[in-house]
Amino acid sequence: MKLDARVTDTLIQLLETRSVSGHTEAAMDIVRDRLEKLNLTIRSTAKGSIIATLKGSRTEGIILSAHLDTLGGMIRKIEDDGRIRLRTIGSFTMSSIEGEYCKIETWDGKFFDGTILYDNTSVHIHGLEKASEKRNEKEMYIRLDEEISSKKEILDLGLSVGNYIHFDPRSVRTKSGFIKSRHLDDKAGVAILIEVAERLVREEMIPKRTLHFLFTSYEEVGHGAAGEFPKKAKEFIAVDMGVAGHGRESSEDSVTICAADSTGPFNYQITKRLIKLAEANSIPFTVDTFPHYGSDAAAALKSGLDVKHGLIGPGVDASHANERTHEKALKATIDLILAYVMS
């Protein structure tokens, strides 16, 4: 059975909706609208997360989490010659955003197009050696697509230090089933949880335990799931990306079960249960560990939540850069979550 097209339709819609950490309102509105149609109990936390509850056979709860916030930037300085300097939001390399188109959002909601460039980009001006030097934040700027040449002209447009910078996601679905885009981390996880919730309701499936679907806004800066939690929750499953690439077990055509990340091991019983369920249901999976990775599960535990925790997600190549996954990985993750909540 192939992945239903509505999942990738949802994913593309989310990918093309701006939602840099701390400024996820537009994407949250999409999620809230979909969940409200399911008649779930929905509430918003003070810091902007959404919690949607689906009652199960038992009141003991499972939190299923995915984060809507993405990498991005913010204006940190406007120079006298009109060059706009940025600071990063989230963790990524400067080389991964060089040449990327972007939009700067003013406080009054206007958008200005630009391109992220290195000071010494032109080989014809600076020579090959200088143009090839390592990129760093201090030497990256935004070339604004406006006829400006001074700081005053920039300010007159309404731009300001603190304005958000949204990267062009460049989302593409290929005929071979790949989805390539910025921000698959973790909008793929969000689309997956929306599909899980909709399928459970549509097919009148009653999970064994009450499910709390948690969508967060600050994961990329470290504190997404820290805060208020549903009562009686005993488990926390983060649905985030599996880091696929050279030297890793994760792959773009399967679900990754993460045994450990930079904060340490996930709950042993949950990891084993996920593996056994994947095997029993012939779901393509890998088990992996990620030394340079953190998640909302860790943020929840650090904030004091007393639960067993685990992490799964579709394999995503080139994480925090020009990412790619496959429909097979999305389907495998959906299938494993459904098997888990019904077991």
C-alpha atoms as a PDB file:
ATOM      1  CA  MET A   1       0.000   0.000   0.000  1.00  0.00           C
ATOM      2  CA  LYS A   2       1.463   3.323  -1.097  1.00  0.00           C
ATOM      3  CA  LEU A   3       1.516   6.546   0.868  1.00  0.00           C
ATOM      4  CA  ASP A   4      -1.664   8.573   0.425  1.00  0.00           C
ATOM      5  CA  ALA A   5      -1.037  11.781  -1.531  1.00  0.00           C
ATOM      6  CA  ARG A   6      -2.718  13.834   1.190  1.00  0.00           C
ATOM      7  CA  VAL A   7       0.348  13.288   3.409  1.00  0.00           C
ATOM      8  CA  THR A   8       2.746  14.844   0.922  1.00  0.00           C
ATOM      9  CA  ASP A   9       0.175  17.548   0.127  1.00  0.00           C
ATOM     10  CA  THR A  10       0.115  18.452   3.826  1.00  0.00           C
ATOM     11  CA  LEU A  11       3.904  18.331   4.003  1.00  0.00           C
ATOM     12  CA  ILE A  12       4.394  20.644   1.010  1.00  0.00           C
ATOM     13  CA  GLN A  13       1.850  23.103   2.416  1.00  0.00           C
ATOM     14  CA  LEU A  14       3.727  23.186   5.721  1.00  0.00           C
ATOM     15  CA  LEU A  15       7.135  23.456   4.053  1.00  0.00           C
ATOM     16  CA  GLU A  16       5.989  26.491   2.099  1.00  0.00           C
ATOM     17  CA  THR A  17       4.622  28.196   5.226  1.00  0.00           C
ATOM     18  CA  ARG A  18       7.192  30.266   7.129  1.00  0.00           C
ATOM     19  CA  SER A  19       7.797  29.205  10.736  1.00  0.00           C
ATOM     20  CA  VAL A  20      11.245  30.122  12.046  1.00  0.00           C
ATOM     21  CA  SER A  21      11.700  29.344  15.760  1.00  0.00           C
ATOM     22  CA  GLY A  22       9.585  31.703  17.855  1.00  0.00           C
ATOM     23  CA  HIS A  23       7.476  32.838  14.891  1.00  0.00           C
ATOM     24  CA  THR A  24       5.382  29.806  13.941  1.00  0.00           C
ATOM     25  CA  GLU A  25       1.886  31.271  14.031  1.00  0.00           C
ATOM     26  CA  ALA A  26       1.024  30.774  10.351  1.00  0.00           C
ATOM     27  CA  ALA A  27       2.023  27.104  10.378  1.00  0.00           C
ATOM     28  CA  MET A  28       0.345  26.525  13.748  1.00  0.00           C
ATOM     29  CA  ASP A  29      -2.906  27.850  12.272  1.00  0.00           C
ATOM     30  CA  ILE A  30      -2.755  25.160   9.579  1.00  0.00           C
ATOM     31  CA  VAL A  31      -2.243  22.438  12.177  1.00  0.00           C
ATOM     32  CA  ARG A  32      -4.972  23.775  14.463  1.00  0.00           C
ATOM     33  CA  ASP A  33      -7.455  23.935  11.583  1.00  0.00           C
ATOM     34  CA  ARG A  34      -6.811  20.298  10.655  1.00  0.00           C
ATOM     35  CA  LEU A  35      -7.101  19.085  14.236  1.00  0.00           C
ATOM     36  CA  GLU A  36     -10.273  21.071  14.968  1.00  0.00           C
ATOM     37  CA  LYS A  37     -12.015  19.206  12.158  1.00  0.00           C
ATOM     38  CA  LEU A  38     -11.394  15.984  14.086  1.00  0.00           C
ATOM     39  CA  ASN A  39     -13.230  17.277  17.172  1.00  0.00           C
ATOM     40  CA  LEU A  40     -10.222  16.644  19.373  1.00  0.00           C
ATOM     41  CA  THR A  41      -9.778  18.486  22.644  1.00  0.00           C
ATOM     42  CA  ILE A  42      -7.316  21.248  21.704  1.00  0.00           C
ATOM     43  CA  ARG A  43      -5.516  23.846  23.749  1.00  0.00           C
ATOM     44  CA  SER A  44      -2.609  26.206  23.263  1.00  0.00           C
ATOM     45  CA  THR A  45       0.161  26.808  25.770  1.00  0.00           C
ATOM     46  CA  ALA A  46       1.399  30.274  26.688  1.00  0.00           C
ATOM     47  CA  LYS A  47       4.561  29.887  24.614  1.00  0.00           C
ATOM     48  CA  GLY A  48       2.668  28.791  21.512  1.00  0.00           C
ATOM     49  CA  SER A  49       2.570  24.998  21.476  1.00  0.00           C
ATOM     50  CA  ILE A  50      -0.593  23.085  20.572  1.00  0.00           C
ATOM     51  CA  ILE A  51      -1.785  20.020  22.500  1.00  0.00           C
ATOM     52  CA  ALA A  52      -4.583  17.961  20.926  1.00  0.00           C
ATOM     53  CA  THR A  53      -5.986  15.032  22.903  1.00  0.00           C
ATOM     54  CA  LEU A  54      -7.611  11.861  21.559  1.00  0.00           C
ATOM     55  CA  LYS A  55      -9.120   9.652  24.248  1.00  0.00           C
ATOM     56  CA  GLY A  56      -8.034   6.033  24.386  1.00  0.00           C
ATOM     57  CA  SER A  57      -9.166   2.926  26.206  1.00  0.00           C
ATOM     58  CA  ARG A  58      -7.140   3.996  29.242  1.00  0.00           C
ATOM     59  CA  THR A  59      -6.575   7.485  30.627  1.00  0.00           C
ATOM     60  CA  GLU A  60      -2.848   6.808  30.985  1.00  0.00           C
ATOM     61  CA  GLY A  61      -1.354   8.951  28.239  1.00  0.00           C
ATOM     62  CA  ILE A  62       1.285   8.988  25.516  1.00  0.00           C
ATOM     63  CA  ILE A  63       2.659  12.303  24.257  1.00  0.00           C
ATOM     64  CA  LEU A  64       3.474  12.262  20.542  1.00  0.00           C
ATOM     65  CA  SER A  65       5.565  15.312  19.723  1.00  0.00           C
ATOM     66  CA  ALA A  66       6.742  17.076  16.565  1.00  0.00           C
ATOM     67  CA  HIS A  67       8.108  20.585  16.140  1.00  0.00           C
ATOM     68  CA  LEU A  68       6.889  23.157  13.656  1.00  0.00           C
ATOM     69  CA  ASP A  69       9.759  25.613  14.037  1.00  0.00           C
ATOM     70  CA  THR A  70      12.589  25.698  11.528  1.00  0.00           C
ATOM     71  CA  LEU A  71      16.013  27.166  11.026  1.00  0.00           C
ATOM     72  CA  GLY A  72      16.220  30.764   9.888  1.00  0.00           C
ATOM     73  CA  GLY A  73      17.840  34.094  10.615  1.00  0.00           C
ATOM     74  CA  MET A  74      17.359  37.547  12.041  1.00  0.00           C
ATOM     75  CA  ILE A  75      18.834  40.914  11.153  1.00  0.00           C
ATOM     76  CA  ARG A  76      21.640  41.691  13.611  1.00  0.00           C
ATOM     77  CA  LYS A  77      23.133  44.765  11.910  1.00  0.00           C
ATOM     78  CA  ILE A  78      22.519  47.162   9.014  1.00  0.00           C
ATOM     79  CA  GLU A  79      25.754  48.682   7.724  1.00  0.00           C
ATOM     80  CA  ASP A  80      26.266  52.154   6.283  1.00  0.00           C
ATOM     81  CA  ASP A  81      26.549  50.811   2.722  1.00  0.00           C
ATOM     82  CA  GLY A  82      23.239  48.964   2.987  1.00  0.00           C
ATOM     83  CA  ARG A  83      24.591  45.480   3.639  1.00  0.00           C
ATOM     84  CA  ILE A  84      22.365  43.530   5.986  1.00  0.00           C
ATOM     85  CA  ARG A  85      24.129  41.227   8.431  1.00  0.00           C
ATOM     86  CA  LEU A  86      22.298  38.247   9.901  1.00  0.00           C
ATOM     87  CA  ARG A  87      22.464  36.098  12.991  1.00  0.00           C
ATOM     88  CA  THR A  88      21.470  32.457  12.848  1.00  0.00           C
ATOM     89  CA  ILE A  89      18.411  30.935  14.488  1.00  0.00           C
ATOM     90  CA  GLY A  90      19.190  27.283  15.039  1.00  0.00           C
ATOM     91  CA  SER A  91      22.355  25.391  14.175  1.00  0.00           C
ATOM     92  CA  PHE A  92      23.660  25.273  10.608  1.00  0.00           C
ATOM     93  CA  THR A  93      26.740  26.123   8.572  1.00  0.00           C
ATOM     94  CA  MET A  94      27.127  29.317   6.584  1.00  0.00           C
ATOM     95  CA  SER A  95      28.037  27.327   3.480  1.00  0.00           C
ATOM     96  CA  SER A  96      24.639  25.593   3.643  1.00  0.00           C
ATOM     97  CA  ILE A  97      22.776  28.887   3.130  1.00  0.00           C
ATOM     98  CA  GLU A  98      25.171  30.684   0.766  1.00  0.00           C
ATOM     99  CA  GLY A  99      23.358  31.724  -2.402  1.00  0.00           C
ATOM    100  CA  GLU A 100      19.947  30.990  -0.885  1.00  0.00           C
ATOM    101  CA  TYR A 101      17.019  33.247  -1.686  1.00  0.00           C
ATOM    102  CA  CYS A 102      15.246  34.635   1.360  1.00  0.00           C
ATOM    103  CA  LYS A 103      12.555  37.021   2.516  1.00  0.00           C
ATOM    104  CA  ILE A 104      12.927  39.572   5.298  1.00  0.00           C
ATOM    105  CA  GLU A 105       9.749  40.283   7.252  1.00  0.00           C
ATOM    106  CA  THR A 106       9.266  43.760   8.731  1.00  0.00           C
ATOM    107  CA  TRP A 107       7.438  44.448  11.968  1.00  0.00           C
ATOM    108  CA  ASP A 108       4.360  45.577  10.016  1.00  0.00           C
ATOM    109  CA  GLY A 109       4.240  42.401   7.922  1.00  0.00           C
ATOM    110  CA  LYS A 110       5.882  43.523   4.684  1.00  0.00           C
ATOM    111  CA  PHE A 111       8.287  41.155   2.915  1.00  0.00           C
ATOM    112  CA  PHE A 112      11.449  42.036   1.014  1.00  0.00           C
ATOM    113  CA  ASP A 113      13.335  39.612  -1.231  1.00  0.00           C
ATOM    114  CA  GLY A 114      17.056  39.052  -0.962  1.00  0.00           C
ATOM    115  CA  THR A 115      19.941  36.624  -1.435  1.00  0.00           C
ATOM    116  CA  ILE A 116      22.393  35.433   1.218  1.00  0.00           C
ATOM    117  CA  LEU A 117      25.979  35.970   0.053  1.00  0.00           C
ATOM    118  CA  TYR A 118      29.600  35.899   1.199  1.00  0.00           C
ATOM    119  CA  ASP A 119      31.438  39.233   1.234  1.00  0.00           C
ATOM    120  CA  ASN A 120      34.096  37.985  -1.170  1.00  0.00           C
ATOM    121  CA  THR A 121      31.939  35.880  -3.480  1.00  0.00           C
ATOM    122  CA  SER A 122      33.141  37.236  -6.827  1.00  0.00           C
ATOM    123  CA  VAL A 123      36.178  35.383  -8.149  1.00  0.00           C
ATOM    124  CA  HIS A 124      36.722  38.201 -10.664  1.00  0.00           C
ATOM    125  CA  ILE A 125      37.095  40.755  -7.868  1.00  0.00           C
ATOM    126  CA  HIS A 126      38.776  38.813  -5.067  1.00  0.00           C
ATOM    127  CA  GLY A 127      40.488  35.947  -6.869  1.00  0.00           C
ATOM    128  CA  LEU A 128      39.900  32.224  -6.478  1.00  0.00           C
ATOM    129  CA  GLU A 129      41.834  31.817  -3.210  1.00  0.00           C
ATOM    130  CA  LYS A 130      39.998  34.597  -1.361  1.00  0.00           C
ATOM    131  CA  ALA A 131      36.616  33.587  -2.753  1.00  0.00           C
ATOM    132  CA  SER A 132      37.214  30.009  -1.547  1.00  0.00           C
ATOM    133  CA  GLU A 133      37.867  30.862   2.114  1.00  0.00           C
ATOM    134  CA  LYS A 134      35.785  29.313   4.897  1.00  0.00           C
ATOM    135  CA  ARG A 135      32.457  31.067   5.420  1.00  0.00           C
ATOM    136  CA  ASN A 136      31.606  32.567   8.793  1.00  0.00           C
ATOM    137  CA  GLU A 137      28.661  34.554  10.106  1.00  0.00           C
ATOM    138  CA  LYS A 138      30.565  37.853  10.282  1.00  0.00           C
ATOM    139  CA  GLU A 139      31.254  37.808   6.533  1.00  0.00           C
ATOM    140  CA  MET A 140      27.804  36.807   5.305  1.00  0.00           C
ATOM    141  CA  TYR A 141      25.259  39.413   4.250  1.00  0.00           C
ATOM    142  CA  ILE A 142      21.914  39.763   2.529  1.00  0.00           C
ATOM    143  CA  ARG A 143      21.845  41.465  -0.857  1.00  0.00           C
ATOM    144  CA  LEU A 144      18.438  43.134  -0.832  1.00  0.00           C
ATOM    145  CA  ASP A 145      16.528  43.205  -4.120  1.00  0.00           C
ATOM    146  CA  GLU A 146      15.798  46.911  -3.819  1.00  0.00           C
ATOM    147  CA  GLU A 147      17.540  49.985  -5.235  1.00  0.00           C
ATOM    148  CA  ILE A 148      19.383  50.956  -2.073  1.00  0.00           C
ATOM    149  CA  SER A 149      22.952  51.945  -1.223  1.00  0.00           C
ATOM    150  CA  SER A 150      22.806  53.194   2.366  1.00  0.00           C
ATOM    151  CA  LYS A 151      21.619  52.322   5.840  1.00  0.00           C
ATOM    152  CA  LYS A 152      19.101  55.181   5.753  1.00  0.00           C
ATOM    153  CA  GLU A 153      17.450  53.800   2.640  1.00  0.00           C
ATOM    154  CA  ILE A 154      17.161  50.401   4.302  1.00  0.00           C
ATOM    155  CA  LEU A 155      15.578  51.923   7.395  1.00  0.00           C
ATOM    156  CA  ASP A 156      13.202  53.987   5.254  1.00  0.00           C
ATOM    157  CA  LEU A 157      11.846  50.723   3.818  1.00  0.00           C
ATOM    158  CA  GLY A 158      10.812  49.732   7.329  1.00  0.00           C
ATOM    159  CA  LEU A 159      13.544  47.151   7.917  1.00  0.00           C
ATOM    160  CA  SER A 160      15.047  46.874  11.376  1.00  0.00           C
ATOM    161  CA  VAL A 161      17.432  44.893  13.531  1.00  0.00           C
ATOM    162  CA  GLY A 162      15.405  41.974  14.907  1.00  0.00           C
ATOM    163  CA  ASN A 163      13.418  41.344  11.717  1.00  0.00           C
ATOM    164  CA  TYR A 164      13.025  37.664  10.836  1.00  0.00           C
ATOM    165  CA  ILE A 165      14.744  36.177   7.773  1.00  0.00           C
ATOM    166  CA  HIS A 166      12.913  33.285   6.093  1.00  0.00           C
ATOM    167  CA  PHE A 167      14.873  30.965   3.778  1.00  0.00           C
ATOM    168  CA  ASP A 168      13.313  29.802   0.509  1.00  0.00           C
ATOM    169  CA  PRO A 169      12.429  26.115   1.175  1.00  0.00           C
ATOM    170  CA  ARG A 170      12.502  25.183  -2.540  1.00  0.00           C
ATOM    171  CA  SER A 171      10.175  22.225  -1.974  1.00  0.00           C
ATOM    172  CA  VAL A 172      10.027  19.614  -4.754  1.00  0.00           C
ATOM    173  CA  ARG A 173       8.267  16.270  -5.149  1.00  0.00           C
ATOM    174  CA  THR A 174       9.997  13.988  -7.627  1.00  0.00           C
ATOM    175  CA  LYS A 175       8.403  11.305  -9.784  1.00  0.00           C
ATOM    176  CA  SER A 176      10.570   8.752  -7.976  1.00  0.00           C
ATOM    177  CA  GLY A 177       8.944   9.539  -4.626  1.00  0.00           C
ATOM    178  CA  PHE A 178      11.509  11.838  -3.062  1.00  0.00           C
ATOM    179  CA  ILE A 179      10.639  15.075  -1.289  1.00  0.00           C
ATOM    180  CA  LYS A 180      13.518  17.526  -1.205  1.00  0.00           C
ATOM    181  CA  SER A 181      13.315  20.801   0.657  1.00  0.00           C
ATOM    182  CA  ARG A 182      14.664  22.821   3.498  1.00  0.00           C
ATOM    183  CA  HIS A 183      12.845  22.291   6.794  1.00  0.00           C
ATOM    184  CA  LEU A 184      11.880  18.624   6.447  1.00  0.00           C
ATOM    185  CA  ASP A 185      13.206  18.762   9.995  1.00  0.00           C
ATOM    186  CA  ASP A 186      10.617  18.589  11.372  1.00  0.00           C
ATOM    187  CA  LYS A 187       7.686  19.405   9.151  1.00  0.00           C
ATOM    188  CA  ALA A 188       7.804  15.815   7.949  1.00  0.00           C
ATOM    189  CA  GLY A 189       7.115  14.791  11.550  1.00  0.00           C
ATOM    190  CA  VAL A 190       4.233  17.257  11.795  1.00  0.00           C
ATOM    191  CA  ALA A 191       2.619  15.959   8.582  1.00  0.00           C
ATOM    192  CA  ILE A 192       3.050  12.406   9.904  1.00  0.00           C
ATOM    193  CA  LEU A 193       1.273  13.163  13.199  1.00  0.00           C
ATOM    194  CA  ILE A 194      -1.579  14.946  11.420  1.00  0.00           C
ATOM    195  CA  GLU A 195      -2.059  11.836   9.259  1.00  0.00           C
ATOM    196  CA  VAL A 196      -1.960   9.559  12.321  1.00  0.00           C
ATOM    197  CA  ALA A 197      -4.615  11.626  14.095  1.00  0.00           C
ATOM    198  CA  GLU A 198      -6.828  11.822  11.012  1.00  0.00           C
ATOM    199  CA  ARG A 199      -6.577   8.117  10.303  1.00  0.00           C
ATOM    200  CA  LEU A 200      -7.416   7.123  13.862  1.00  0.00           C
ATOM    201  CA  VAL A 201     -10.534   9.303  13.766  1.00  0.00           C
ATOM    202  CA  ARG A 202     -11.529   8.457  10.200  1.00  0.00           C
ATOM    203  CA  GLU A 203     -11.234   4.702  10.732  1.00  0.00           C
ATOM    204  CA  GLU A 204     -12.727   4.866  14.248  1.00  0.00           C
ATOM    205  CA  MET A 205      -9.652   3.273  15.776  1.00  0.00           C
ATOM    206  CA  ILE A 206      -9.492   3.628  19.559  1.00  0.00           C
ATOM    207  CA  PRO A 207      -5.896   3.718  20.818  1.00  0.00           C
ATOM    208  CA  LYS A 208      -5.025   1.636  23.866  1.00  0.00           C
ATOM    209  CA  ARG A 209      -4.031   4.778  25.777  1.00  0.00           C
ATOM    210  CA  THR A 210      -5.030   8.418  25.516  1.00  0.00           C
ATOM    211  CA  LEU A 211      -2.908  10.274  22.966  1.00  0.00           C
ATOM    212  CA  HIS A 212      -1.687  13.840  23.328  1.00  0.00           C
ATOM    213  CA  PHE A 213      -0.422  15.294  20.043  1.00  0.00           C
ATOM    214  CA  LEU A 214       2.084  18.018  20.929  1.00  0.00           C
ATOM    215  CA  PHE A 215       3.315  20.536  18.338  1.00  0.00           C
ATOM    216  CA  THR A 216       6.083  22.851  19.539  1.00  0.00           C
ATOM    217  CA  SER A 217       7.621  26.173  18.476  1.00  0.00           C
ATOM    218  CA  TYR A 218      11.150  26.373  19.912  1.00  0.00           C
ATOM    219  CA  GLU A 219      12.804  22.976  19.375  1.00  0.00           C
ATOM    220  CA  GLU A 220      15.577  24.303  17.115  1.00  0.00           C
ATOM    221  CA  VAL A 221      16.764  26.592  19.915  1.00  0.00           C
ATOM    222  CA  GLY A 222      16.581  23.919  22.605  1.00  0.00           C
ATOM    223  CA  HIS A 223      13.448  24.396  24.712  1.00  0.00           C
ATOM    224  CA  GLY A 224      10.523  23.423  22.474  1.00  0.00           C
ATOM    225  CA  ALA A 225       8.790  20.858  24.687  1.00  0.00           C
ATOM    226  CA  ALA A 226       9.864  22.400  27.990  1.00  0.00           C
ATOM    227  CA  GLY A 227       6.798  23.714  29.776  1.00  0.00           C
ATOM    228  CA  GLU A 228       3.265  22.554  30.474  1.00  0.00           C
ATOM    229  CA  PHE A 229       2.343  18.899  29.894  1.00  0.00           C
ATOM    230  CA  PRO A 230      -0.828  16.800  29.983  1.00  0.00           C
ATOM    231  CA  LYS A 231      -1.475  15.036  33.274  1.00  0.00           C
ATOM    232  CA  LYS A 232      -1.185  11.248  33.499  1.00  0.00           C
ATOM    233  CA  ALA A 233       1.299  11.096  30.603  1.00  0.00           C
ATOM    234  CA  LYS A 234       3.660   8.146  31.093  1.00  0.00           C
ATOM    235  CA  GLU A 235       5.514   8.127  27.771  1.00  0.00           C
ATOM    236  CA  PHE A 236       6.905  10.724  25.399  1.00  0.00           C
ATOM    237  CA  ILE A 237       7.644   9.794  21.792  1.00  0.00           C
ATOM    238  CA  ALA A 238       9.350  12.505  19.751  1.00  0.00           C
ATOM    239  CA  VAL A 239       8.666  12.232  16.023  1.00  0.00           C
ATOM    240  CA  ASP A 240      11.643  13.930  14.428  1.00  0.00           C
ATOM    241  CA  MET A 241      14.051  13.134  11.624  1.00  0.00           C
ATOM    242  CA  GLY A 242      16.430  10.210  11.363  1.00  0.00           C
ATOM    243  CA  VAL A 243      19.837  11.503  10.261  1.00  0.00           C
ATOM    244  CA  ALA A 244      20.598   9.671   7.015  1.00  0.00           C
ATOM    245  CA  GLY A 245      23.962   9.935   5.296  1.00  0.00           C
ATOM    246  CA  HIS A 246      27.437   8.454   5.005  1.00  0.00           C
ATOM    247  CA  GLY A 247      28.463   6.670   8.197  1.00  0.00           C
ATOM    248  CA  ARG A 248      24.942   6.358   9.584  1.00  0.00           C
ATOM    249  CA  GLU A 249      22.495   3.453   9.663  1.00  0.00           C
ATOM    250  CA  SER A 250      19.457   5.624   8.871  1.00  0.00           C
ATOM    251  CA  SER A 251      18.139   5.680   5.312  1.00  0.00           C
ATOM    252  CA  GLU A 252      15.667   7.749   3.336  1.00  0.00           C
ATOM    253  CA  ASP A 253      13.353   4.805   2.669  1.00  0.00           C
ATOM    254  CA  SER A 254      12.718   3.666   6.251  1.00  0.00           C
ATOM    255  CA  VAL A 255      11.796   4.822   9.739  1.00  0.00           C
ATOM    256  CA  THR A 256      14.667   5.375  12.151  1.00  0.00           C
ATOM    257  CA  ILE A 257      14.384   4.188  15.742  1.00  0.00           C
ATOM    258  CA  CYS A 258      16.858   6.283  17.680  1.00  0.00           C
ATOM    259  CA  ALA A 259      18.560   4.436  20.543  1.00  0.00           C
ATOM    260  CA  ALA A 260      20.582   7.435  21.788  1.00  0.00           C
ATOM    261  CA  ASP A 261      21.386  11.048  20.955  1.00  0.00           C
ATOM    262  CA  SER A 262      23.706  13.713  22.382  1.00  0.00           C
ATOM    263  CA  THR A 263      21.804  13.713  25.684  1.00  0.00           C
ATOM    264  CA  GLY A 264      22.212   9.973  26.198  1.00  0.00           C
ATOM    265  CA  PRO A 265      20.163   6.804  25.631  1.00  0.00           C
ATOM    266  CA  PHE A 266      16.418   6.744  25.130  1.00  0.00           C
ATOM    267  CA  ASN A 267      14.278   4.469  27.282  1.00  0.00           C
ATOM    268  CA  TYR A 268      15.420   0.889  26.690  1.00  0.00           C
ATOM    269  CA  GLN A 269      11.961  -0.694  26.994  1.00  0.00           C
ATOM    270  CA  ILE A 270      10.427   1.734  24.494  1.00  0.00           C
ATOM    271  CA  THR A 271      13.264   1.268  22.007  1.00  0.00           C
ATOM    272  CA  LYS A 272      12.918  -2.530  22.184  1.00  0.00           C
ATOM    273  CA  ARG A 273       9.133  -2.337  21.844  1.00  0.00           C
ATOM    274  CA  LEU A 274       9.425  -0.159  18.744  1.00  0.00           C
ATOM    275  CA  ILE A 275      11.907  -2.583  17.178  1.00  0.00           C
ATOM    276  CA  LYS A 276       9.676  -5.610  17.874  1.00  0.00           C
ATOM    277  CA  LEU A 277       6.619  -3.835  16.467  1.00  0.00           C
ATOM    278  CA  ALA A 278       8.488  -2.882  13.294  1.00  0.00           C
ATOM    279  CA  GLU A 279       9.655  -6.468  12.860  1.00  0.00           C
ATOM    280  CA  ALA A 280       6.224  -7.958  13.569  1.00  0.00           C
ATOM    281  CA  ASN A 281       4.503  -5.620  11.093  1.00  0.00           C
ATOM    282  CA  SER A 282       7.183  -5.833   8.357  1.00  0.00           C
ATOM    283  CA  ILE A 283       7.845  -2.092   8.609  1.00  0.00           C
ATOM    284  CA  PRO A 284      11.202  -1.060   7.077  1.00  0.00           C
ATOM    285  CA  PHE A 285      13.323   0.380   9.888  1.00  0.00           C
ATOM    286  CA  THR A 286      16.831   1.068  11.100  1.00  0.00           C
ATOM    287  CA  VAL A 287      18.247   1.601  14.576  1.00  0.00           C
ATOM    288  CA  ASP A 288      20.739   4.453  14.921  1.00  0.00           C
ATOM    289  CA  THR A 289      22.472   6.776  17.382  1.00  0.00           C
ATOM    290  CA  PHE A 290      23.140  10.472  16.815  1.00  0.00           C
ATOM    291  CA  PRO A 291      26.060  12.188  18.604  1.00  0.00           C
ATOM    292  CA  HIS A 292      25.207  15.718  17.393  1.00  0.00           C
ATOM    293  CA  TYR A 293      21.451  15.707  17.909  1.00  0.00           C
ATOM    294  CA  GLY A 294      18.909  16.773  20.506  1.00  0.00           C
ATOM    295  CA  SER A 295      15.113  16.666  20.513  1.00  0.00           C
ATOM    296  CA  ASP A 296      11.942  17.715  22.263  1.00  0.00           C
ATOM    297  CA  ALA A 297      12.081  14.478  24.254  1.00  0.00           C
ATOM    298  CA  ALA A 298      15.275  15.669  25.959  1.00  0.00           C
ATOM    299  CA  ALA A 299      13.826  19.156  26.528  1.00  0.00           C
ATOM    300  CA  ALA A 300      10.752  17.627  28.185  1.00  0.00           C
ATOM    301  CA  LEU A 301      12.815  15.470  30.543  1.00  0.00           C
ATOM    302  CA  LYS A 302      15.147  18.342  31.426  1.00  0.00           C
ATOM    303  CA  SER A 303      12.143  20.460  32.367  1.00  0.00           C
ATOM    304  CA  GLY A 304      11.059  17.826  34.875  1.00  0.00           C
ATOM    305  CA  LEU A 305       8.619  15.574  32.997  1.00  0.00           C
ATOM    306  CA  ASP A 306       8.734  12.087  34.541  1.00  0.00           C
ATOM    307  CA  VAL A 307       8.137   9.778  31.571  1.00  0.00           C
ATOM    308  CA  LYS A 308       9.718   7.043  29.513  1.00  0.00           C
ATOM    309  CA  HIS A 309      10.986   8.609  26.290  1.00  0.00           C
ATOM    310  CA  GLY A 310      11.765   7.521  22.744  1.00  0.00           C
ATOM    311  CA  LEU A 311      12.377   8.983  19.302  1.00  0.00           C
ATOM    312  CA  ILE A 312      11.525   7.869  15.784  1.00  0.00           C
ATOM    313  CA  GLY A 313      11.341   9.585  12.430  1.00  0.00           C
ATOM    314  CA  PRO A 314      11.791   9.297   8.677  1.00  0.00           C
ATOM    315  CA  GLY A 315      15.356   9.157   7.419  1.00  0.00           C
ATOM    316  CA  VAL A 316      16.395  12.605   6.133  1.00  0.00           C
ATOM    317  CA  ASP A 317      19.550  13.196   4.109  1.00  0.00           C
ATOM    318  CA  ALA A 318      21.718  16.353   4.415  1.00  0.00           C
ATOM    319  CA  SER A 319      20.099  17.485   7.655  1.00  0.00           C
ATOM    320  CA  HIS A 320      20.007  21.227   8.412  1.00  0.00           C
ATOM    321  CA  ALA A 321      20.909  21.959   4.794  1.00  0.00           C
ATOM    322  CA  ASN A 322      19.214  20.945   1.529  1.00  0.00           C
ATOM    323  CA  GLU A 323      17.317  18.014   2.985  1.00  0.00           C
ATOM    324  CA  ARG A 324      15.667  15.048   1.281  1.00  0.00           C
ATOM    325  CA  THR A 325      13.517  12.092   2.283  1.00  0.00           C
ATOM    326  CA  HIS A 326      11.287   9.571   0.523  1.00  0.00           C
ATOM    327  CA  GLU A 327       7.599   8.728   0.687  1.00  0.00           C
ATOM    328  CA  LYS A 328       8.586   5.247   1.907  1.00  0.00           C
ATOM    329  CA  ALA A 329      10.117   6.749   5.052  1.00  0.00           C
ATOM    330  CA  LEU A 330       7.006   8.820   5.741  1.00  0.00           C
ATOM    331  CA  LYS A 331       4.775   5.758   5.352  1.00  0.00           C
ATOM    332  CA  ALA A 332       7.023   3.580   7.526  1.00  0.00           C
ATOM    333  CA  THR A 333       6.930   6.168  10.317  1.00  0.00           C
ATOM    334  CA  ILE A 334       3.142   6.457  10.147  1.00  0.00           C
ATOM    335  CA  ASP A 335       2.787   2.676  10.212  1.00  0.00           C
ATOM    336  CA  LEU A 336       5.073   2.313  13.229  1.00  0.00           C
ATOM    337  CA  ILE A 337       3.262   5.003  15.230  1.00  0.00           C
ATOM    338  CA  LEU A 338      -0.108   3.392  14.496  1.00  0.00           C
ATOM    339  CA  ALA A 339       1.228  -0.010  15.504  1.00  0.00           C
ATOM    340  CA  TYR A 340       2.607   1.487  18.708  1.00  0.00           C
ATOM    341  CA  VAL A 341      -0.498   3.343  19.852  1.00  0.00           C
ATOM    342  CA  MET A 342      -2.772   0.389  19.057  1.00  0.00           C
ATOM    343  CA  SER A 343      -0.576  -2.165  20.860  1.00  0.00           C
END
